[in-house]
Amino acid sequence: MIRFLLLAFMFLFITTEAMALPFSDTINFTGTSITDTNGVTKDATRIEDTGNWVCSTDYTPAFSYTHNVTFDPEAISIENASLAVTYTGNQANCIEAWFISDSSNDPQSLGYLSDTQDSYWDACNQNRWNTTVFDLDNYIDGVSGSSWSIEFIVDEKTWRDNEVMYLAESTISGNYNPTPVPEPATLFLLGTGLLGFAGTRKKKMVSRT
């Protein structure tokens, strides 16, 4: 019986091959309500350019926000990640170059808030909501544990007037590799062994008395 228990205890550490799990975190911005030409109304945050050039020593971004992702079970690593941002431009001045980046020293590390220049003009001129997806695979190395926080900044690159945009939603999503968990069958095997061992000892004690 002791050998059986030892074998069961060893099996306890045999774990299943964990499959990748999805994760996501969505931020819904508020402050003003915008209805586009398709009749779609969204709450959004109005962002104005600070007027500071991105390369200046006193640069301050127009807007920043942080995504906080929770992993349950904890993550060993992240397989892939992306950022989807929903926004509309300023109808008063479409000659704008709004971009989004992480909070590192590279202010244009992700790119512009448009799939192409035409899509930005379309979203701006016709007051339509546009969603742009950014690849975050360059930011996932070394991410593990129970949580992941990443900050993004939104700003404008030109020196024009009326530099305003409306940010409605930001979603970070992807897949991660979770920490392995013991197989249920293994736990059952160990529990059965413990019960069997307890029953055997009880019988021996009764026989001795």
Protein backbone atom coordinates (compact mmCIF):
# COMPACT_ATOMS: atom_id res chain seq x y z
CA MET A 1 0.00 0.00 0.00
CA ILE A 2 2.85 2.39 0.81
CA ARG A 3 4.30 1.76 -2.62
CA PHE A 4 0.95 2.54 -4.15
CA LEU A 5 0.75 5.84 -2.25
CA LEU A 6 4.24 6.81 -3.35
CA LEU A 7 3.31 6.04 -6.94
CA ALA A 8 0.14 8.11 -6.64
CA PHE A 9 2.09 10.99 -5.13
CA MET A 10 4.51 10.90 -8.06
CA PHE A 11 1.61 10.94 -10.51
CA LEU A 12 0.31 14.06 -8.81
CA PHE A 13 3.04 16.04 -10.56
CA ILE A 14 2.14 14.71 -14.01
CA THR A 15 0.16 17.57 -15.50
CA THR A 16 -1.94 18.03 -18.55
CA GLU A 17 -0.55 19.78 -21.57
CA ALA A 18 -2.22 23.14 -21.10
CA MET A 19 -3.81 24.66 -24.17
CA ALA A 20 -3.61 28.37 -24.89
CA LEU A 21 -6.38 30.44 -23.31
CA PRO A 22 -7.87 33.71 -24.56
CA PHE A 23 -7.61 36.99 -22.66
CA SER A 24 -9.08 40.45 -23.19
CA ASP A 25 -9.52 43.79 -21.50
CA THR A 26 -11.81 46.54 -22.81
CA ILE A 27 -11.94 50.22 -21.87
CA ASN A 28 -15.07 52.16 -22.81
CA PHE A 29 -14.35 55.89 -22.83
CA THR A 30 -16.96 58.46 -21.81
CA GLY A 31 -17.47 62.21 -21.68
CA THR A 32 -19.41 63.05 -24.82
CA SER A 33 -21.87 61.34 -27.16
CA ILE A 34 -21.21 61.18 -30.91
CA THR A 35 -23.63 59.87 -33.56
CA ASP A 36 -22.12 59.08 -36.96
CA THR A 37 -23.77 59.22 -40.39
CA ASN A 38 -24.79 55.56 -40.04
CA GLY A 39 -26.80 56.37 -36.92
CA VAL A 40 -24.34 54.65 -34.58
CA THR A 41 -24.02 56.50 -31.28
CA LYS A 42 -21.05 55.96 -29.00
CA ASP A 43 -19.82 57.54 -25.81
CA ALA A 44 -16.33 58.90 -26.27
CA THR A 45 -13.59 60.98 -24.71
CA ARG A 46 -12.73 64.23 -26.48
CA ILE A 47 -8.97 64.61 -26.89
CA GLU A 48 -7.26 67.88 -27.74
CA ASP A 49 -3.67 68.24 -28.89
CA THR A 50 -1.36 69.71 -26.24
CA GLY A 51 0.63 71.64 -28.83
CA ASN A 52 3.93 70.08 -27.75
CA TRP A 53 6.01 68.55 -30.51
CA VAL A 54 6.77 64.87 -29.89
CA CYS A 55 10.54 65.44 -30.05
CA SER A 56 10.61 68.39 -27.64
CA THR A 57 12.14 68.06 -24.19
CA ASP A 58 8.91 69.18 -22.50
CA TYR A 59 6.73 66.80 -24.51
CA THR A 60 3.45 65.89 -22.82
CA PRO A 61 1.03 63.52 -24.59
CA ALA A 62 -2.52 64.65 -25.22
CA PHE A 63 -4.01 61.54 -23.62
CA SER A 64 -2.86 58.35 -21.95
CA TYR A 65 -4.57 55.24 -20.59
CA THR A 66 -3.60 51.83 -19.22
CA HIS A 67 -4.88 48.34 -19.94
CA ASN A 68 -4.76 45.93 -16.99
CA VAL A 69 -5.07 42.28 -18.01
CA THR A 70 -5.70 39.51 -15.46
CA PHE A 71 -4.64 35.90 -16.11
CA ASP A 72 -6.45 33.07 -14.31
CA PRO A 73 -4.76 30.63 -14.19
CA GLU A 74 -1.48 32.50 -14.25
CA ALA A 75 0.39 32.93 -17.50
CA ILE A 76 3.69 31.29 -18.42
CA SER A 77 3.89 33.34 -21.58
CA ILE A 78 1.74 35.17 -24.14
CA GLU A 79 1.37 33.71 -27.62
CA ASN A 80 -0.06 36.78 -29.34
CA ALA A 81 -1.72 40.10 -28.57
CA SER A 82 -3.39 42.95 -30.42
CA LEU A 83 -4.92 46.33 -29.65
CA ALA A 84 -8.16 47.50 -31.30
CA VAL A 85 -8.99 51.21 -31.01
CA THR A 86 -12.33 52.76 -32.04
CA TYR A 87 -12.32 56.49 -32.76
CA THR A 88 -13.47 59.28 -35.07
CA GLY A 89 -11.57 62.33 -36.29
CA ASN A 90 -12.33 66.01 -36.00
CA GLN A 91 -14.59 67.21 -38.79
CA ALA A 92 -13.32 70.80 -38.47
CA ASN A 93 -9.80 69.80 -39.51
CA CYS A 94 -9.04 66.48 -41.16
CA ILE A 95 -5.42 67.33 -41.95
CA GLU A 96 -4.32 65.60 -38.77
CA ALA A 97 -1.94 62.79 -37.90
CA TRP A 98 -3.08 61.22 -34.67
CA PHE A 99 -0.98 58.29 -33.54
CA ILE A 100 -0.94 55.79 -30.69
CA SER A 101 2.06 54.25 -28.96
CA ASP A 102 3.15 52.55 -25.79
CA SER A 103 4.67 54.68 -23.03
CA SER A 104 8.28 54.06 -24.12
CA ASN A 105 10.60 56.66 -25.60
CA ASP A 106 9.40 55.87 -29.12
CA PRO A 107 6.25 58.00 -29.54
CA GLN A 108 5.24 56.34 -32.80
CA SER A 109 6.00 52.75 -31.90
CA LEU A 110 2.55 51.44 -32.88
CA GLY A 111 1.43 53.73 -35.69
CA TYR A 112 -1.28 56.08 -36.84
CA LEU A 113 -4.94 55.78 -35.93
CA SER A 114 -6.00 54.67 -39.39
CA ASP A 115 -5.75 51.53 -41.47
CA THR A 116 -4.73 53.77 -44.37
CA GLN A 117 -4.74 57.50 -44.93
CA ASP A 118 -7.98 57.13 -46.91
CA SER A 119 -9.76 55.36 -44.05
CA TYR A 120 -8.82 58.16 -41.67
CA TRP A 121 -10.15 60.80 -44.07
CA ASP A 122 -13.31 58.74 -44.51
CA ALA A 123 -13.86 58.45 -40.76
CA CYS A 124 -13.18 62.14 -40.31
CA ASN A 125 -14.99 63.74 -43.24
CA GLN A 126 -18.10 61.61 -42.98
CA ASN A 127 -18.13 61.44 -39.19
CA ARG A 128 -17.97 57.66 -39.09
CA TRP A 129 -16.51 55.46 -36.40
CA ASN A 130 -13.34 53.71 -37.41
CA THR A 131 -11.54 50.79 -35.71
CA THR A 132 -7.83 50.20 -36.20
CA VAL A 133 -6.05 47.05 -34.97
CA PHE A 134 -2.40 47.13 -33.91
CA ASP A 135 -0.09 44.15 -33.47
CA LEU A 136 1.39 43.94 -29.96
CA ASP A 137 3.60 40.88 -30.46
CA ASN A 138 6.72 43.03 -29.93
CA TYR A 139 5.53 43.83 -26.40
CA ILE A 140 4.72 40.39 -25.01
CA ASP A 141 8.20 38.94 -24.39
CA GLY A 142 8.74 38.27 -20.71
CA VAL A 143 5.10 38.78 -19.72
CA SER A 144 4.00 36.16 -17.18
CA GLY A 145 2.25 35.76 -13.85
CA SER A 146 -1.25 36.83 -12.84
CA SER A 147 -1.45 40.25 -14.54
CA TRP A 148 -0.10 42.50 -17.29
CA SER A 149 -0.31 46.31 -17.39
CA ILE A 150 0.59 48.33 -20.46
CA GLU A 151 0.13 52.06 -20.95
CA PHE A 152 -0.68 53.76 -24.26
CA ILE A 153 -0.53 57.38 -25.32
CA VAL A 154 -2.56 59.14 -28.01
CA ASP A 155 -1.30 62.33 -29.60
CA GLU A 156 -1.23 64.44 -32.77
CA LYS A 157 1.83 65.08 -34.91
CA THR A 158 1.01 68.26 -36.86
CA TRP A 159 0.97 71.92 -35.86
CA ARG A 160 -2.51 72.84 -37.03
CA ASP A 161 -5.57 74.24 -35.30
CA ASN A 162 -8.68 72.39 -34.17
CA GLU A 163 -6.71 69.23 -33.49
CA VAL A 164 -9.35 67.16 -31.77
CA MET A 165 -10.33 63.49 -31.91
CA TYR A 166 -12.86 61.29 -30.10
CA LEU A 167 -11.79 58.00 -28.57
CA ALA A 168 -14.63 55.54 -27.91
CA GLU A 169 -13.14 52.15 -27.10
CA SER A 170 -9.87 50.28 -26.69
CA THR A 171 -9.59 46.50 -26.43
CA ILE A 172 -6.47 44.46 -25.86
CA SER A 173 -6.82 40.74 -26.57
CA GLY A 174 -4.91 37.61 -27.48
CA ASN A 175 -3.96 34.15 -26.27
CA TYR A 176 -1.64 33.05 -23.48
CA ASN A 177 -0.10 29.83 -22.18
CA PRO A 178 -1.36 29.09 -18.65
CA THR A 179 0.48 27.34 -15.87
CA PRO A 180 -0.24 23.57 -15.95
CA VAL A 181 -2.69 22.13 -13.43
CA PRO A 182 -2.79 18.53 -12.09
CA GLU A 183 -5.00 16.08 -13.99
CA PRO A 184 -8.32 15.38 -12.24
CA ALA A 185 -7.71 11.63 -12.73
CA THR A 186 -4.42 11.93 -10.87
CA LEU A 187 -6.07 13.70 -7.95
CA PHE A 188 -8.72 11.00 -7.88
CA LEU A 189 -6.02 8.32 -7.85
CA LEU A 190 -4.27 9.93 -4.90
CA GLY A 191 -7.51 10.36 -2.98
CA THR A 192 -8.45 6.72 -3.56
CA GLY A 193 -5.03 5.63 -2.37
CA LEU A 194 -5.31 7.64 0.83
CA LEU A 195 -8.74 6.20 1.57
CA GLY A 196 -7.46 2.69 0.90
CA PHE A 197 -4.47 3.23 3.15
CA ALA A 198 -6.69 4.55 5.94
CA GLY A 199 -9.01 1.54 5.63
CA THR A 200 -6.12 -0.93 5.73
CA ARG A 201 -4.64 0.63 8.87
CA LYS A 202 -8.05 0.57 10.53
CA LYS A 203 -8.44 -3.14 9.81
CA LYS A 204 -4.97 -3.87 11.22
CA MET A 205 -5.72 -1.94 14.39
CA VAL A 206 -9.01 -3.83 14.87
CA SER A 207 -7.34 -7.22 14.33
CA ARG A 208 -4.63 -6.41 16.86
CA THR A 209 -7.20 -5.56 19.54
